[in-house]
């Protein structure tokens, strides 16, 4: 007899989770449709770092496409990018509403900062690549252009629409996800997997991992790799401090209980 209420409760939880996930997917789909109608505006926003980097170099610049369907597919990607970018906070909110009723007050108070920090850090990572790293990287790549002398042909960039937008969207997601490092380390510290001393002792290994991850997630150029690695190193050091605070708060909670 006691198994039936538990089974019914489990089924009701699954039903609620499915309902919240469906609501999130519907919202993302609606944003995708709206994003497609505004794809050109989003495209212009994403192209702005490139346009600003080349506007005063004295060369007539343009973005090209070499396949009939390339621009259409690019607009679909842009709409999907907008849907995921704007839909993530809604998904996190729905998951929070699903989990929160089963948490104690102190557990809610402990998890809520992570829920708030996640989109903020993602936004900071995206802003870093958009406003600082990408313009520097574009100028670095353009430095390899040549005017051509004698019989040598000039080397000039003819950037493709699809390739450029795929690159900047991939980098925004890469930087945004990489900036979740403090959230991940603090969650691991809260459940007791790691502590501040562990992070201090193994700092040199994490430095190697960070530079390796930066090399994998970014194009093979020093600007974007260093542009990702240095902020991650700073976030790692800040994570050690925040993990210390997490340990102190956890000790206080244990002492009170």
Protein backbone atom coordinates (compact mmCIF):
# COMPACT_ATOMS: atom_id res chain seq x y z
CA UNK A 1 0.00 0.00 0.00
CA UNK A 2 2.81 2.41 0.80
CA UNK A 3 4.35 1.95 -2.66
CA UNK A 4 1.30 3.35 -4.50
CA UNK A 5 1.49 6.90 -3.05
CA UNK A 6 5.23 6.97 -3.77
CA UNK A 7 4.65 5.74 -7.31
CA UNK A 8 1.88 8.30 -7.83
CA UNK A 9 4.11 11.05 -6.47
CA UNK A 10 6.94 10.00 -8.79
CA UNK A 11 4.62 10.02 -11.80
CA UNK A 12 3.26 13.44 -10.84
CA UNK A 13 6.81 14.79 -10.59
CA UNK A 14 7.65 13.40 -14.02
CA UNK A 15 4.46 14.93 -15.42
CA UNK A 16 5.34 18.31 -13.94
CA UNK A 17 8.91 18.09 -15.28
CA UNK A 18 7.64 17.18 -18.74
CA UNK A 19 5.17 20.06 -18.62
CA UNK A 20 7.87 22.57 -17.67
CA UNK A 21 10.25 21.27 -20.34
CA UNK A 22 7.50 21.47 -22.96
CA UNK A 23 6.74 25.06 -21.90
CA UNK A 24 10.45 25.89 -22.23
CA UNK A 25 10.64 24.32 -25.70
CA UNK A 26 7.52 26.19 -26.80
CA UNK A 27 9.06 29.46 -25.62
CA UNK A 28 12.32 28.67 -27.44
CA UNK A 29 10.38 27.81 -30.60
CA UNK A 30 8.43 31.10 -30.41
CA UNK A 31 11.68 33.04 -29.97
CA UNK A 32 13.11 31.10 -32.93
CA UNK A 33 10.19 32.19 -35.15
CA UNK A 34 10.45 35.81 -33.99
CA UNK A 35 14.23 35.65 -34.33
CA UNK A 36 13.94 34.57 -37.96
CA UNK A 37 11.87 37.64 -38.80
CA UNK A 38 14.52 39.79 -37.12
CA UNK A 39 17.43 37.69 -38.38
CA UNK A 40 18.81 40.53 -40.47
CA UNK A 41 18.92 42.83 -37.43
CA UNK A 42 20.64 40.15 -35.35
CA UNK A 43 22.99 39.52 -38.26
CA UNK A 44 23.92 43.22 -38.38
CA UNK A 45 24.57 43.15 -34.63
CA UNK A 46 26.86 40.12 -34.88
CA UNK A 47 28.70 41.56 -37.88
CA UNK A 48 29.35 44.87 -36.11
CA UNK A 49 32.73 43.82 -34.58
CA UNK A 50 33.97 42.98 -38.08
CA UNK A 51 32.52 46.17 -39.59
CA UNK A 52 34.10 48.35 -36.89
CA UNK A 53 37.47 46.62 -37.23
CA UNK A 54 37.72 47.21 -40.99
CA UNK A 55 35.85 50.48 -41.54
CA UNK A 56 38.97 52.70 -41.56
CA UNK A 57 41.46 50.45 -43.36
CA UNK A 58 40.90 52.03 -46.79
CA UNK A 59 39.69 48.78 -48.41
CA UNK A 60 36.16 48.17 -49.61
CA UNK A 61 34.97 45.25 -47.49
CA UNK A 62 32.06 42.89 -47.90
CA UNK A 63 30.83 39.52 -46.73
CA UNK A 64 30.18 36.98 -49.48
CA UNK A 65 28.22 33.76 -49.88
CA UNK A 66 29.10 31.06 -52.39
CA UNK A 67 26.00 28.86 -52.25
CA UNK A 68 22.42 29.78 -53.14
CA UNK A 69 21.07 28.56 -49.80
CA UNK A 70 23.93 29.85 -47.64
CA UNK A 71 22.30 33.11 -46.49
CA UNK A 72 19.01 31.33 -45.75
CA UNK A 73 20.77 28.69 -43.64
CA UNK A 74 22.75 31.45 -41.92
CA UNK A 75 19.54 33.27 -40.97
CA UNK A 76 18.18 30.02 -39.54
CA UNK A 77 21.36 29.66 -37.46
CA UNK A 78 21.05 33.25 -36.28
CA UNK A 79 17.43 32.68 -35.24
CA UNK A 80 18.40 29.48 -33.42
CA UNK A 81 21.25 31.33 -31.71
CA UNK A 82 18.84 34.01 -30.48
CA UNK A 83 16.35 31.36 -29.31
CA UNK A 84 18.94 29.47 -27.26
CA UNK A 85 20.55 32.65 -25.90
CA UNK A 86 17.21 34.13 -24.75
CA UNK A 87 15.66 30.79 -23.88
CA UNK A 88 18.30 29.60 -21.41
CA UNK A 89 17.13 31.90 -18.57
CA UNK A 90 13.57 30.61 -19.07
CA UNK A 91 14.77 26.98 -18.95
CA UNK A 92 16.72 27.69 -15.76
CA UNK A 93 13.67 29.39 -14.23
CA UNK A 94 11.44 26.43 -15.08
CA UNK A 95 13.95 23.99 -13.59
CA UNK A 96 14.17 26.15 -10.47
CA UNK A 97 10.36 26.17 -10.10
CA UNK A 98 10.41 22.38 -10.41
CA UNK A 99 13.19 21.84 -7.85
CA UNK A 100 12.43 24.64 -5.37
CA UNK A 101 9.29 23.13 -3.72
CA UNK A 102 11.34 20.12 -2.59
CA UNK A 103 14.11 22.18 -1.00
CA UNK A 104 14.46 23.50 2.52
CA UNK A 105 14.68 27.22 3.06
CA UNK A 106 18.44 27.17 3.62
CA UNK A 107 18.91 25.03 0.49
CA UNK A 108 16.93 27.52 -1.58
CA UNK A 109 19.03 30.32 -0.17
CA UNK A 110 22.19 28.40 -1.08
CA UNK A 111 21.21 27.52 -4.67
CA UNK A 112 19.56 30.79 -5.69
CA UNK A 113 22.88 32.70 -6.11
CA UNK A 114 24.09 30.03 -8.56
CA UNK A 115 20.90 30.36 -10.57
CA UNK A 116 21.40 34.12 -10.77
CA UNK A 117 25.14 33.94 -11.44
CA UNK A 118 24.84 31.48 -14.35
CA UNK A 119 23.20 33.82 -16.92
CA UNK A 120 25.19 36.82 -15.66
CA UNK A 121 28.52 35.04 -16.15
CA UNK A 122 27.39 33.74 -19.53
CA UNK A 123 26.52 37.30 -20.57
CA UNK A 124 29.89 38.58 -19.35
CA UNK A 125 31.68 35.92 -21.40
CA UNK A 126 29.69 36.85 -24.49
CA UNK A 127 30.39 40.56 -23.98
CA UNK A 128 34.11 39.90 -23.60
CA UNK A 129 34.39 38.11 -26.94
CA UNK A 130 32.07 40.56 -28.72
CA UNK A 131 33.51 43.87 -27.52
CA UNK A 132 37.17 43.08 -26.87
CA UNK A 133 38.57 39.77 -28.11
CA UNK A 134 36.85 39.53 -31.51
CA UNK A 135 37.89 43.01 -32.75
CA UNK A 136 41.50 42.29 -31.74
CA UNK A 137 41.39 38.86 -33.41
CA UNK A 138 39.97 40.33 -36.64
CA UNK A 139 42.76 42.90 -36.83
CA UNK A 140 45.29 40.13 -36.15
CA UNK A 141 43.95 38.04 -39.05
CA UNK A 142 43.81 41.07 -41.35
CA UNK A 143 47.49 41.74 -40.67
CA UNK A 144 48.29 38.80 -42.96
CA UNK A 145 46.89 40.57 -46.01
CA UNK A 146 49.39 41.69 -48.64
CA UNK A 147 49.06 44.23 -51.43
CA UNK A 148 51.18 42.20 -53.84
CA UNK A 149 54.35 43.49 -55.47
CA UNK A 150 55.76 42.72 -58.91
CA UNK A 151 54.24 39.49 -60.18
CA UNK A 152 52.90 38.50 -56.75
CA UNK A 153 49.14 38.46 -56.36
CA UNK A 154 47.63 40.36 -53.42
CA UNK A 155 46.15 38.44 -50.51
CA UNK A 156 42.87 39.96 -49.37
CA UNK A 157 40.19 38.67 -47.04
CA UNK A 158 36.81 37.83 -48.58
CA UNK A 159 34.96 36.64 -45.51
CA UNK A 160 32.01 34.30 -46.00
CA UNK A 161 28.74 35.10 -44.26
CA UNK A 162 28.23 31.59 -42.92
CA UNK A 163 31.81 31.10 -41.73
CA UNK A 164 32.06 34.44 -39.95
CA UNK A 165 28.73 34.14 -38.15
CA UNK A 166 29.38 30.50 -37.22
CA UNK A 167 32.71 31.58 -35.75
CA UNK A 168 31.40 34.44 -33.62
CA UNK A 169 28.36 32.47 -32.41
CA UNK A 170 30.57 29.51 -31.49
CA UNK A 171 32.95 31.82 -29.63
CA UNK A 172 30.12 33.52 -27.74
CA UNK A 173 28.86 30.14 -26.53
CA UNK A 174 32.42 28.95 -25.79
CA UNK A 175 33.23 32.03 -23.71
CA UNK A 176 29.81 32.00 -22.03
CA UNK A 177 30.09 28.34 -21.02
CA UNK A 178 33.72 28.72 -19.94
CA UNK A 179 32.70 31.56 -17.63
CA UNK A 180 30.59 29.06 -15.69
CA UNK A 181 33.82 27.84 -14.04
CA UNK A 182 33.15 29.61 -10.69
CA UNK A 183 29.63 28.19 -10.54
CA UNK A 184 30.88 24.67 -11.24
CA UNK A 185 33.71 24.83 -8.70
CA UNK A 186 31.46 26.30 -6.01
CA UNK A 187 28.83 23.62 -6.54
CA UNK A 188 31.51 20.93 -6.27
CA UNK A 189 32.77 22.58 -3.10
CA UNK A 190 29.28 22.75 -1.60
CA UNK A 191 28.72 19.01 -2.05
CA UNK A 192 32.18 18.28 -0.64
CA UNK A 193 33.92 17.02 -3.78
CA UNK A 194 36.65 19.69 -3.65
CA UNK A 195 37.81 22.41 -1.26
CA UNK A 196 39.90 25.55 -1.42
CA UNK A 197 43.09 23.71 -0.45
CA UNK A 198 42.55 21.23 -3.27
CA UNK A 199 42.25 24.12 -5.75
CA UNK A 200 45.38 25.79 -4.38
CA UNK A 201 47.54 22.64 -4.46
CA UNK A 202 46.46 21.70 -7.97
CA UNK A 203 46.58 25.22 -9.39
CA UNK A 204 49.38 24.36 -11.87
CA UNK A 205 47.37 21.47 -13.30
CA UNK A 206 44.31 23.65 -13.73
CA UNK A 207 46.42 26.27 -15.51
CA UNK A 208 47.47 23.64 -18.06
CA UNK A 209 43.86 22.46 -18.42
CA UNK A 210 42.63 26.04 -18.92
CA UNK A 211 45.14 26.76 -21.69
CA UNK A 212 44.38 23.41 -23.32
CA UNK A 213 40.64 24.13 -23.21
CA UNK A 214 41.25 27.62 -24.64
CA UNK A 215 43.23 26.10 -27.51
CA UNK A 216 40.42 23.63 -28.27
CA UNK A 217 37.49 26.04 -27.98
CA UNK A 218 38.99 28.91 -29.99
CA UNK A 219 40.52 29.29 -33.47
CA UNK A 220 44.27 28.58 -33.80
CA UNK A 221 45.39 32.12 -33.07
CA UNK A 222 47.02 33.58 -29.94
CA UNK A 223 44.55 36.47 -29.53
CA UNK A 224 41.40 34.46 -28.84
CA UNK A 225 43.27 31.73 -26.96
CA UNK A 226 44.90 34.20 -24.58
CA UNK A 227 41.67 36.22 -24.49
CA UNK A 228 39.87 33.17 -23.10
CA UNK A 229 42.68 31.73 -20.95
CA UNK A 230 43.49 34.90 -18.96
CA UNK A 231 39.88 35.58 -17.84
CA UNK A 232 39.54 31.91 -16.89
CA UNK A 233 42.71 32.12 -14.79
CA UNK A 234 41.28 35.19 -13.04
CA UNK A 235 37.96 33.39 -12.52
CA UNK A 236 39.84 30.40 -11.12
CA UNK A 237 41.58 32.57 -8.52
CA UNK A 238 38.27 34.22 -7.67
CA UNK A 239 36.74 30.76 -7.38
CA UNK A 240 39.26 29.85 -4.69
CA UNK A 241 38.13 32.86 -2.67
CA UNK A 242 34.44 32.11 -3.21
CA UNK A 243 34.98 28.44 -2.33
CA UNK A 244 36.51 29.57 0.99
CA UNK A 245 33.38 31.61 1.66
CA UNK A 246 31.24 28.62 0.71
CA UNK A 247 33.15 26.46 3.19
CA UNK A 248 32.63 29.01 5.96
CA UNK A 249 28.91 29.23 5.24
CA UNK A 250 28.62 25.46 5.12
CA UNK A 251 30.42 25.16 8.49
CA UNK A 252 28.02 27.71 10.00
CA UNK A 253 25.02 25.80 8.66
CA UNK A 254 26.39 22.54 10.09
CA UNK A 255 27.05 24.19 13.47
CA UNK A 256 23.51 25.59 13.61
CA UNK A 257 21.99 22.24 12.72
